[in-house]
Amino acid sequence: MAECWQQDNWVGCFPVKCHIVKDIPNSSLRHITLENNENKPVTNSRDTHEARESSGFLS
């Protein structure tokens, strides 16, 4: 995740699309586990835990 915090300044404008997803039941997310949290389900983690992109894909 460190690569997203760059020191370079952006010049100009760029488009941004926001997607807001809310009110998802925990039962829909329990299949996602976090390697950096003892492989516990994401529903047992704190808001600040990093998740790899591959964690969210169904296998």
PDB file of N, CA and C in Angstrom:
ATOM      1  N   MET A   1       0.819  -1.188   0.000  1.00  0.00           N
ATOM      2  CA  MET A   1       0.000   0.000   0.000  1.00  0.00           C
ATOM      3  C   MET A   1       0.863   1.253   0.000  1.00  0.00           C
ATOM      4  N   ALA A   2       2.129   1.112   0.318  1.00  0.00           N
ATOM      5  CA  ALA A   2       3.003   2.278   0.435  1.00  0.00           C
ATOM      6  C   ALA A   2       3.156   3.022  -0.880  1.00  0.00           C
ATOM      7  N   GLU A   3       2.979   2.344  -2.003  1.00  0.00           N
ATOM      8  CA  GLU A   3       3.177   3.011  -3.288  1.00  0.00           C
ATOM      9  C   GLU A   3       2.114   4.068  -3.586  1.00  0.00           C
ATOM     10  N   CYS A   4       1.025   4.097  -2.847  1.00  0.00           N
ATOM     11  CA  CYS A   4       0.000   5.113  -3.101  1.00  0.00           C
ATOM     12  C   CYS A   4       0.347   6.449  -2.449  1.00  0.00           C
ATOM     13  N   TRP A   5       1.288   6.465  -1.512  1.00  0.00           N
ATOM     14  CA  TRP A   5       1.686   7.701  -0.836  1.00  0.00           C
ATOM     15  C   TRP A   5       2.975   8.213  -1.465  1.00  0.00           C
ATOM     16  N   GLN A   6       2.845   8.884  -2.584  1.00  0.00           N
ATOM     17  CA  GLN A   6       4.009   9.390  -3.292  1.00  0.00           C
ATOM     18  C   GLN A   6       4.260  10.843  -2.934  1.00  0.00           C
ATOM     19  N   GLN A   7       5.506  11.240  -3.063  1.00  0.00           N
ATOM     20  CA  GLN A   7       5.898  12.608  -2.763  1.00  0.00           C
ATOM     21  C   GLN A   7       5.725  13.536  -3.961  1.00  0.00           C
ATOM     22  N   ASP A   8       5.571  12.975  -5.166  1.00  0.00           N
ATOM     23  CA  ASP A   8       5.433  13.794  -6.369  1.00  0.00           C
ATOM     24  C   ASP A   8       4.129  14.584  -6.329  1.00  0.00           C
ATOM     25  N   ASN A   9       4.173  15.802  -6.825  1.00  0.00           N
ATOM     26  CA  ASN A   9       2.969  16.630  -6.920  1.00  0.00           C
ATOM     27  C   ASN A   9       2.277  16.378  -8.252  1.00  0.00           C
ATOM     28  N   TRP A  10       0.956  16.343  -8.222  1.00  0.00           N
ATOM     29  CA  TRP A  10       0.176  16.172  -9.443  1.00  0.00           C
ATOM     30  C   TRP A  10      -0.058  17.544 -10.059  1.00  0.00           C
ATOM     31  N   VAL A  11       0.001  17.593 -11.369  1.00  0.00           N
ATOM     32  CA  VAL A  11      -0.266  18.837 -12.086  1.00  0.00           C
ATOM     33  C   VAL A  11      -1.536  18.643 -12.898  1.00  0.00           C
ATOM     34  N   GLY A  12      -2.480  19.560 -12.796  1.00  0.00           N
ATOM     35  CA  GLY A  12      -3.706  19.474 -13.574  1.00  0.00           C
ATOM     36  C   GLY A  12      -4.815  18.754 -12.831  1.00  0.00           C
ATOM     37  N   CYS A  13      -5.824  18.358 -13.596  1.00  0.00           N
ATOM     38  CA  CYS A  13      -7.009  17.704 -13.045  1.00  0.00           C
ATOM     39  C   CYS A  13      -7.136  16.302 -13.607  1.00  0.00           C
ATOM     40  N   PHE A  14      -7.817  15.446 -12.883  1.00  0.00           N
ATOM     41  CA  PHE A  14      -8.127  14.112 -13.376  1.00  0.00           C
ATOM     42  C   PHE A  14      -9.501  13.716 -12.843  1.00  0.00           C
ATOM     43  N   PRO A  15     -10.233  12.895 -13.605  1.00  0.00           N
ATOM     44  CA  PRO A  15     -11.583  12.519 -13.187  1.00  0.00           C
ATOM     45  C   PRO A  15     -11.554  11.494 -12.041  1.00  0.00           C
ATOM     46  N   VAL A  16     -12.522  11.593 -11.167  1.00  0.00           N
ATOM     47  CA  VAL A  16     -12.649  10.668 -10.051  1.00  0.00           C
ATOM     48  C   VAL A  16     -14.088  10.176 -10.008  1.00  0.00           C
ATOM     49  N   LYS A  17     -14.256   8.859  -9.914  1.00  0.00           N
ATOM     50  CA  LYS A  17     -15.585   8.273  -9.744  1.00  0.00           C
ATOM     51  C   LYS A  17     -15.652   7.671  -8.347  1.00  0.00           C
ATOM     52  N   CYS A  18     -16.665   8.020  -7.601  1.00  0.00           N
ATOM     53  CA  CYS A  18     -16.841   7.501  -6.250  1.00  0.00           C
ATOM     54  C   CYS A  18     -17.938   6.445  -6.251  1.00  0.00           C
ATOM     55  N   HIS A  19     -17.666   5.346  -5.576  1.00  0.00           N
ATOM     56  CA  HIS A  19     -18.658   4.284  -5.402  1.00  0.00           C
ATOM     57  C   HIS A  19     -18.871   4.111  -3.902  1.00  0.00           C
ATOM     58  N   ILE A  20     -20.078   4.313  -3.456  1.00  0.00           N
ATOM     59  CA  ILE A  20     -20.388   4.173  -2.039  1.00  0.00           C
ATOM     60  C   ILE A  20     -21.221   2.909  -1.865  1.00  0.00           C
ATOM     61  N   VAL A  21     -20.678   2.000  -1.082  1.00  0.00           N
ATOM     62  CA  VAL A  21     -21.364   0.745  -0.791  1.00  0.00           C
ATOM     63  C   VAL A  21     -21.544   0.690   0.719  1.00  0.00           C
ATOM     64  N   LYS A  22     -22.777   0.487   1.172  1.00  0.00           N
ATOM     65  CA  LYS A  22     -23.015   0.456   2.609  1.00  0.00           C
ATOM     66  C   LYS A  22     -24.100  -0.551   2.948  1.00  0.00           C
ATOM     67  N   ASP A  23     -24.208  -0.824   4.209  1.00  0.00           N
ATOM     68  CA  ASP A  23     -25.221  -1.747   4.735  1.00  0.00           C
ATOM     69  C   ASP A  23     -25.082  -3.153   4.155  1.00  0.00           C
ATOM     70  N   ILE A  24     -23.851  -3.655   4.101  1.00  0.00           N
ATOM     71  CA  ILE A  24     -23.609  -5.027   3.657  1.00  0.00           C
ATOM     72  C   ILE A  24     -23.563  -5.903   4.902  1.00  0.00           C
ATOM     73  N   PRO A  25     -24.357  -6.974   4.962  1.00  0.00           N
ATOM     74  CA  PRO A  25     -24.343  -7.820   6.154  1.00  0.00           C
ATOM     75  C   PRO A  25     -22.996  -8.546   6.306  1.00  0.00           C
ATOM     76  N   ASN A  26     -22.544  -8.711   7.552  1.00  0.00           N
ATOM     77  CA  ASN A  26     -21.278  -9.398   7.817  1.00  0.00           C
ATOM     78  C   ASN A  26     -21.235 -10.791   7.208  1.00  0.00           C
ATOM     79  N   SER A  27     -22.361 -11.457   7.144  1.00  0.00           N
ATOM     80  CA  SER A  27     -22.383 -12.818   6.596  1.00  0.00           C
ATOM     81  C   SER A  27     -21.939 -12.851   5.138  1.00  0.00           C
ATOM     82  N   SER A  28     -22.070 -11.741   4.436  1.00  0.00           N
ATOM     83  CA  SER A  28     -21.631 -11.674   3.039  1.00  0.00           C
ATOM     84  C   SER A  28     -20.130 -11.462   2.910  1.00  0.00           C
ATOM     85  N   LEU A  29     -19.464 -11.132   4.009  1.00  0.00           N
ATOM     86  CA  LEU A  29     -18.038 -10.801   3.961  1.00  0.00           C
ATOM     87  C   LEU A  29     -17.150 -11.790   4.715  1.00  0.00           C
ATOM     88  N   ARG A  30     -17.733 -12.751   5.417  1.00  0.00           N
ATOM     89  CA  ARG A  30     -16.941 -13.656   6.265  1.00  0.00           C
ATOM     90  C   ARG A  30     -15.976 -14.541   5.489  1.00  0.00           C
ATOM     91  N   HIS A  31     -16.211 -14.732   4.200  1.00  0.00           N
ATOM     92  CA  HIS A  31     -15.307 -15.579   3.405  1.00  0.00           C
ATOM     93  C   HIS A  31     -13.968 -14.902   3.141  1.00  0.00           C
ATOM     94  N   ILE A  32     -13.881 -13.592   3.380  1.00  0.00           N
ATOM     95  CA  ILE A  32     -12.640 -12.854   3.159  1.00  0.00           C
ATOM     96  C   ILE A  32     -11.801 -12.937   4.432  1.00  0.00           C
ATOM     97  N   THR A  33     -10.602 -13.519   4.321  1.00  0.00           N
ATOM     98  CA  THR A  33      -9.712 -13.627   5.469  1.00  0.00           C
ATOM     99  C   THR A  33      -8.475 -12.775   5.240  1.00  0.00           C
ATOM    100  N   LEU A  34      -7.852 -12.367   6.329  1.00  0.00           N
ATOM    101  CA  LEU A  34      -6.678 -11.505   6.263  1.00  0.00           C
ATOM    102  C   LEU A  34      -5.449 -12.262   6.749  1.00  0.00           C
ATOM    103  N   GLU A  35      -4.452 -12.366   5.868  1.00  0.00           N
ATOM    104  CA  GLU A  35      -3.214 -13.053   6.222  1.00  0.00           C
ATOM    105  C   GLU A  35      -2.494 -12.349   7.364  1.00  0.00           C
ATOM    106  N   ASN A  36      -2.564 -11.025   7.408  1.00  0.00           N
ATOM    107  CA  ASN A  36      -1.851 -10.262   8.428  1.00  0.00           C
ATOM    108  C   ASN A  36      -2.639 -10.143   9.732  1.00  0.00           C
ATOM    109  N   ASN A  37      -3.720 -10.904   9.854  1.00  0.00           N
ATOM    110  CA  ASN A  37      -4.520 -10.917  11.080  1.00  0.00           C
ATOM    111  C   ASN A  37      -4.869 -12.356  11.441  1.00  0.00           C
ATOM    112  N   GLU A  38      -3.851 -13.226  11.405  1.00  0.00           N
ATOM    113  CA  GLU A  38      -3.998 -14.638  11.777  1.00  0.00           C
ATOM    114  C   GLU A  38      -5.068 -15.348  10.957  1.00  0.00           C
ATOM    115  N   ASN A  39      -5.268 -14.933   9.714  1.00  0.00           N
ATOM    116  CA  ASN A  39      -6.266 -15.510   8.807  1.00  0.00           C
ATOM    117  C   ASN A  39      -7.684 -15.464   9.378  1.00  0.00           C
ATOM    118  N   LYS A  40      -7.936 -14.487  10.204  1.00  0.00           N
ATOM    119  CA  LYS A  40      -9.293 -14.290  10.729  1.00  0.00           C
ATOM    120  C   LYS A  40     -10.146 -13.633   9.651  1.00  0.00           C
ATOM    121  N   PRO A  41     -11.463 -13.817   9.710  1.00  0.00           N
ATOM    122  CA  PRO A  41     -12.336 -13.152   8.739  1.00  0.00           C
ATOM    123  C   PRO A  41     -12.229 -11.637   8.855  1.00  0.00           C
ATOM    124  N   VAL A  42     -12.430 -10.968   7.760  1.00  0.00           N
ATOM    125  CA  VAL A  42     -12.354  -9.502   7.739  1.00  0.00           C
ATOM    126  C   VAL A  42     -13.381  -8.888   8.692  1.00  0.00           C
ATOM    127  N   THR A  43     -14.426  -9.619   8.993  1.00  0.00           N
ATOM    128  CA  THR A  43     -15.445  -9.121   9.921  1.00  0.00           C
ATOM    129  C   THR A  43     -14.927  -9.067  11.357  1.00  0.00           C
ATOM    130  N   ASN A  44     -13.791  -9.721  11.649  1.00  0.00           N
ATOM    131  CA  ASN A  44     -13.173  -9.689  12.981  1.00  0.00           C
ATOM    132  C   ASN A  44     -12.004  -8.719  13.049  1.00  0.00           C
ATOM    133  N   SER A  45     -11.845  -7.869  12.071  1.00  0.00           N
ATOM    134  CA  SER A  45     -10.694  -6.968  12.037  1.00  0.00           C
ATOM    135  C   SER A  45     -11.123  -5.533  12.338  1.00  0.00           C
ATOM    136  N   ARG A  46     -10.128  -4.678  12.494  1.00  0.00           N
ATOM    137  CA  ARG A  46     -10.392  -3.258  12.699  1.00  0.00           C
ATOM    138  C   ARG A  46     -10.398  -2.555  11.351  1.00  0.00           C
ATOM    139  N   ASP A  47     -10.893  -1.348  11.337  1.00  0.00           N
ATOM    140  CA  ASP A  47     -10.995  -0.584  10.095  1.00  0.00           C
ATOM    141  C   ASP A  47      -9.651  -0.344   9.427  1.00  0.00           C
ATOM    142  N   THR A  48      -8.575  -0.355  10.181  1.00  0.00           N
ATOM    143  CA  THR A  48      -7.278   0.014   9.618  1.00  0.00           C
ATOM    144  C   THR A  48      -6.467  -1.162   9.093  1.00  0.00           C
ATOM    145  N   HIS A  49      -6.983  -2.382   9.166  1.00  0.00           N
ATOM    146  CA  HIS A  49      -6.237  -3.528   8.640  1.00  0.00           C
ATOM    147  C   HIS A  49      -6.165  -3.460   7.119  1.00  0.00           C
ATOM    148  N   GLU A  50      -4.963  -3.705   6.604  1.00  0.00           N
ATOM    149  CA  GLU A  50      -4.791  -3.740   5.153  1.00  0.00           C
ATOM    150  C   GLU A  50      -5.250  -5.097   4.637  1.00  0.00           C
ATOM    151  N   ALA A  51      -5.856  -5.089   3.470  1.00  0.00           N
ATOM    152  CA  ALA A  51      -6.283  -6.324   2.820  1.00  0.00           C
ATOM    153  C   ALA A  51      -5.706  -6.349   1.419  1.00  0.00           C
ATOM    154  N   ARG A  52      -5.137  -7.480   1.049  1.00  0.00           N
ATOM    155  CA  ARG A  52      -4.636  -7.616  -0.314  1.00  0.00           C
ATOM    156  C   ARG A  52      -5.825  -7.685  -1.264  1.00  0.00           C
ATOM    157  N   GLU A  53      -5.608  -7.213  -2.472  1.00  0.00           N
ATOM    158  CA  GLU A  53      -6.680  -7.233  -3.465  1.00  0.00           C
ATOM    159  C   GLU A  53      -7.179  -8.655  -3.688  1.00  0.00           C
ATOM    160  N   SER A  54      -6.266  -9.616  -3.683  1.00  0.00           N
ATOM    161  CA  SER A  54      -6.642 -11.007  -3.938  1.00  0.00           C
ATOM    162  C   SER A  54      -7.514 -11.584  -2.827  1.00  0.00           C
ATOM    163  N   SER A  55      -7.512 -10.990  -1.643  1.00  0.00           N
ATOM    164  CA  SER A  55      -8.331 -11.492  -0.534  1.00  0.00           C
ATOM    165  C   SER A  55      -9.820 -11.403  -0.832  1.00  0.00           C
ATOM    166  N   GLY A  56     -10.223 -10.461  -1.631  1.00  0.00           N
ATOM    167  CA  GLY A  56     -11.639 -10.250  -1.902  1.00  0.00           C
ATOM    168  C   GLY A  56     -12.215 -11.102  -3.006  1.00  0.00           C
ATOM    169  N   PHE A  57     -11.360 -11.845  -3.720  1.00  0.00           N
ATOM    170  CA  PHE A  57     -11.841 -12.669  -4.823  1.00  0.00           C
ATOM    171  C   PHE A  57     -12.264 -14.039  -4.332  1.00  0.00           C
ATOM    172  N   LEU A  58     -13.328 -14.555  -4.895  1.00  0.00           N
ATOM    173  CA  LEU A  58     -13.765 -15.913  -4.577  1.00  0.00           C
ATOM    174  C   LEU A  58     -12.882 -16.897  -5.311  1.00  0.00           C
ATOM    175  N   SER A  59     -12.504 -17.965  -4.644  1.00  0.00           N
ATOM    176  CA  SER A  59     -11.657 -18.963  -5.307  1.00  0.00           C
ATOM    177  C   SER A  59     -12.449 -20.175  -5.711  1.00  0.00           C
TER     178      SER A  59
END
